[in-house]
């Protein structure tokens, strides 16, 4: 009787292992498919970003007054052009989209 019970346990254990292996394979397939979709979306976003960063940017502004505090961004009082919207009138910072001489 003991041998029959042990054999039944082995059979159930083998069935559970096979089921887990099948589930793992399905999960790996699903994760791989999701990664492929995300990779494609990332490539598309990168292409859009590259188009944005290659666009012309720059700003032209005037400043009233002569006192400029040391170590703080200059907040221009009269922004004439802000092509690409990279200059923030709130923070006084120009955020370049690519490394270059501005």
C-alpha atoms as a PDB file:
ATOM      1  CA  UNK A   1       0.000   0.000   0.000  1.00  0.00           C
ATOM      2  CA  UNK A   2       2.892   2.358   0.832  1.00  0.00           C
ATOM      3  CA  UNK A   3       4.490   1.816  -2.578  1.00  0.00           C
ATOM      4  CA  UNK A   4       1.234   2.653  -4.347  1.00  0.00           C
ATOM      5  CA  UNK A   5       0.930   5.930  -2.382  1.00  0.00           C
ATOM      6  CA  UNK A   6       4.552   6.863  -3.148  1.00  0.00           C
ATOM      7  CA  UNK A   7       4.027   6.062  -6.821  1.00  0.00           C
ATOM      8  CA  UNK A   8       0.885   8.229  -6.832  1.00  0.00           C
ATOM      9  CA  UNK A   9       2.850  11.110  -5.239  1.00  0.00           C
ATOM     10  CA  UNK A  10       5.601  10.771  -7.854  1.00  0.00           C
ATOM     11  CA  UNK A  11       3.025  10.787 -10.628  1.00  0.00           C
ATOM     12  CA  UNK A  12       1.335  13.909  -9.198  1.00  0.00           C
ATOM     13  CA  UNK A  13       4.699  15.603  -8.727  1.00  0.00           C
ATOM     14  CA  UNK A  14       5.673  14.866 -12.324  1.00  0.00           C
ATOM     15  CA  UNK A  15       2.320  16.209 -13.538  1.00  0.00           C
ATOM     16  CA  UNK A  16       2.815  19.394 -11.469  1.00  0.00           C
ATOM     17  CA  UNK A  17       6.328  19.850 -12.857  1.00  0.00           C
ATOM     18  CA  UNK A  18       5.061  19.437 -16.423  1.00  0.00           C
ATOM     19  CA  UNK A  19       2.274  21.949 -15.777  1.00  0.00           C
ATOM     20  CA  UNK A  20       4.734  24.461 -14.297  1.00  0.00           C
ATOM     21  CA  UNK A  21       7.068  24.021 -17.258  1.00  0.00           C
ATOM     22  CA  UNK A  22       4.199  24.630 -19.680  1.00  0.00           C
ATOM     23  CA  UNK A  23       3.127  27.732 -17.751  1.00  0.00           C
ATOM     24  CA  UNK A  24       6.697  29.026 -17.719  1.00  0.00           C
ATOM     25  CA  UNK A  25       6.983  28.517 -21.458  1.00  0.00           C
ATOM     26  CA  UNK A  26       3.734  30.411 -22.007  1.00  0.00           C
ATOM     27  CA  UNK A  27       4.900  33.219 -19.710  1.00  0.00           C
ATOM     28  CA  UNK A  28       8.263  33.445 -21.468  1.00  0.00           C
ATOM     29  CA  UNK A  29       6.486  33.643 -24.827  1.00  0.00           C
ATOM     30  CA  UNK A  30       4.169  36.382 -23.509  1.00  0.00           C
ATOM     31  CA  UNK A  31       7.064  38.387 -22.028  1.00  0.00           C
ATOM     32  CA  UNK A  32       9.033  38.045 -25.265  1.00  0.00           C
ATOM     33  CA  UNK A  33       6.050  39.233 -27.305  1.00  0.00           C
ATOM     34  CA  UNK A  34       5.557  42.188 -24.946  1.00  0.00           C
ATOM     35  CA  UNK A  35       9.242  43.068 -25.200  1.00  0.00           C
ATOM     36  CA  UNK A  36       9.006  43.008 -28.996  1.00  0.00           C
ATOM     37  CA  UNK A  37       6.040  45.408 -28.889  1.00  0.00           C
ATOM     38  CA  UNK A  38       7.839  47.704 -26.442  1.00  0.00           C
ATOM     39  CA  UNK A  39      11.003  47.612 -28.562  1.00  0.00           C
ATOM     40  CA  UNK A  40       8.991  48.666 -31.613  1.00  0.00           C
ATOM     41  CA  UNK A  41       7.263  51.458 -29.678  1.00  0.00           C
ATOM     42  CA  UNK A  42      10.600  52.650 -28.294  1.00  0.00           C
ATOM     43  CA  UNK A  43      12.081  52.784 -31.794  1.00  0.00           C
ATOM     44  CA  UNK A  44       9.090  54.842 -32.947  1.00  0.00           C
ATOM     45  CA  UNK A  45       9.408  57.222 -29.991  1.00  0.00           C
ATOM     46  CA  UNK A  46      13.128  57.543 -30.629  1.00  0.00           C
ATOM     47  CA  UNK A  47      12.476  58.428 -34.260  1.00  0.00           C
ATOM     48  CA  UNK A  48      10.002  61.115 -33.175  1.00  0.00           C
ATOM     49  CA  UNK A  49      12.465  62.430 -30.586  1.00  0.00           C
ATOM     50  CA  UNK A  50      15.257  62.553 -33.139  1.00  0.00           C
ATOM     51  CA  UNK A  51      13.022  64.596 -35.438  1.00  0.00           C
ATOM     52  CA  UNK A  52      12.257  66.979 -32.571  1.00  0.00           C
ATOM     53  CA  UNK A  53      15.862  67.316 -31.465  1.00  0.00           C
ATOM     54  CA  UNK A  54      16.994  67.968 -35.027  1.00  0.00           C
ATOM     55  CA  UNK A  55      14.483  70.796 -35.358  1.00  0.00           C
ATOM     56  CA  UNK A  56      15.731  74.389 -35.200  1.00  0.00           C
ATOM     57  CA  UNK A  57      15.715  75.909 -31.726  1.00  0.00           C
ATOM     58  CA  UNK A  58      16.814  79.172 -30.219  1.00  0.00           C
ATOM     59  CA  UNK A  59      15.636  82.314 -28.495  1.00  0.00           C
ATOM     60  CA  UNK A  60      16.134  86.039 -28.641  1.00  0.00           C
ATOM     61  CA  UNK A  61      15.350  88.269 -25.693  1.00  0.00           C
ATOM     62  CA  UNK A  62      15.929  91.661 -24.120  1.00  0.00           C
ATOM     63  CA  UNK A  63      16.723  92.428 -20.510  1.00  0.00           C
ATOM     64  CA  UNK A  64      15.711  95.539 -18.604  1.00  0.00           C
ATOM     65  CA  UNK A  65      17.932  96.832 -15.824  1.00  0.00           C
ATOM     66  CA  UNK A  66      21.601  96.326 -15.140  1.00  0.00           C
ATOM     67  CA  UNK A  67      21.742  94.364 -11.884  1.00  0.00           C
ATOM     68  CA  UNK A  68      22.293  90.638 -12.422  1.00  0.00           C
ATOM     69  CA  UNK A  69      22.678  88.463  -9.336  1.00  0.00           C
ATOM     70  CA  UNK A  70      25.717  86.201  -9.529  1.00  0.00           C
ATOM     71  CA  UNK A  71      25.096  82.461  -9.935  1.00  0.00           C
ATOM     72  CA  UNK A  72      21.422  82.675 -10.867  1.00  0.00           C
ATOM     73  CA  UNK A  73      19.774  82.214 -14.265  1.00  0.00           C
ATOM     74  CA  UNK A  74      18.963  85.365 -16.185  1.00  0.00           C
ATOM     75  CA  UNK A  75      15.201  85.817 -16.494  1.00  0.00           C
ATOM     76  CA  UNK A  76      14.740  87.904 -19.594  1.00  0.00           C
ATOM     77  CA  UNK A  77      11.924  90.411 -19.356  1.00  0.00           C
ATOM     78  CA  UNK A  78      11.141  90.617 -23.061  1.00  0.00           C
ATOM     79  CA  UNK A  79      11.414  87.360 -25.038  1.00  0.00           C
ATOM     80  CA  UNK A  80      11.109  88.134 -28.744  1.00  0.00           C
ATOM     81  CA  UNK A  81      11.610  84.639 -30.189  1.00  0.00           C
ATOM     82  CA  UNK A  82      11.470  81.256 -28.464  1.00  0.00           C
ATOM     83  CA  UNK A  83      11.686  78.798 -31.366  1.00  0.00           C
ATOM     84  CA  UNK A  84      11.201  75.290 -30.086  1.00  0.00           C
ATOM     85  CA  UNK A  85      10.011  76.562 -26.692  1.00  0.00           C
ATOM     86  CA  UNK A  86      13.335  75.692 -25.052  1.00  0.00           C
ATOM     87  CA  UNK A  87      13.697  78.923 -23.051  1.00  0.00           C
ATOM     88  CA  UNK A  88      11.630  79.055 -19.852  1.00  0.00           C
ATOM     89  CA  UNK A  89      10.545  82.525 -18.830  1.00  0.00           C
ATOM     90  CA  UNK A  90       9.683  81.081 -15.411  1.00  0.00           C
ATOM     91  CA  UNK A  91      13.068  79.533 -14.581  1.00  0.00           C
ATOM     92  CA  UNK A  92      15.272  81.595 -16.908  1.00  0.00           C
ATOM     93  CA  UNK A  93      16.822  78.415 -18.266  1.00  0.00           C
ATOM     94  CA  UNK A  94      17.403  77.404 -21.868  1.00  0.00           C
ATOM     95  CA  UNK A  95      17.243  73.632 -22.295  1.00  0.00           C
ATOM     96  CA  UNK A  96      19.153  72.488 -25.354  1.00  0.00           C
ATOM     97  CA  UNK A  97      17.864  69.397 -27.102  1.00  0.00           C
ATOM     98  CA  UNK A  98      21.333  68.460 -28.356  1.00  0.00           C
ATOM     99  CA  UNK A  99      24.850  69.314 -27.290  1.00  0.00           C
ATOM    100  CA  UNK A 100      26.053  72.220 -29.421  1.00  0.00           C
ATOM    101  CA  UNK A 101      27.385  75.769 -29.259  1.00  0.00           C
ATOM    102  CA  UNK A 102      24.533  78.158 -28.509  1.00  0.00           C
END
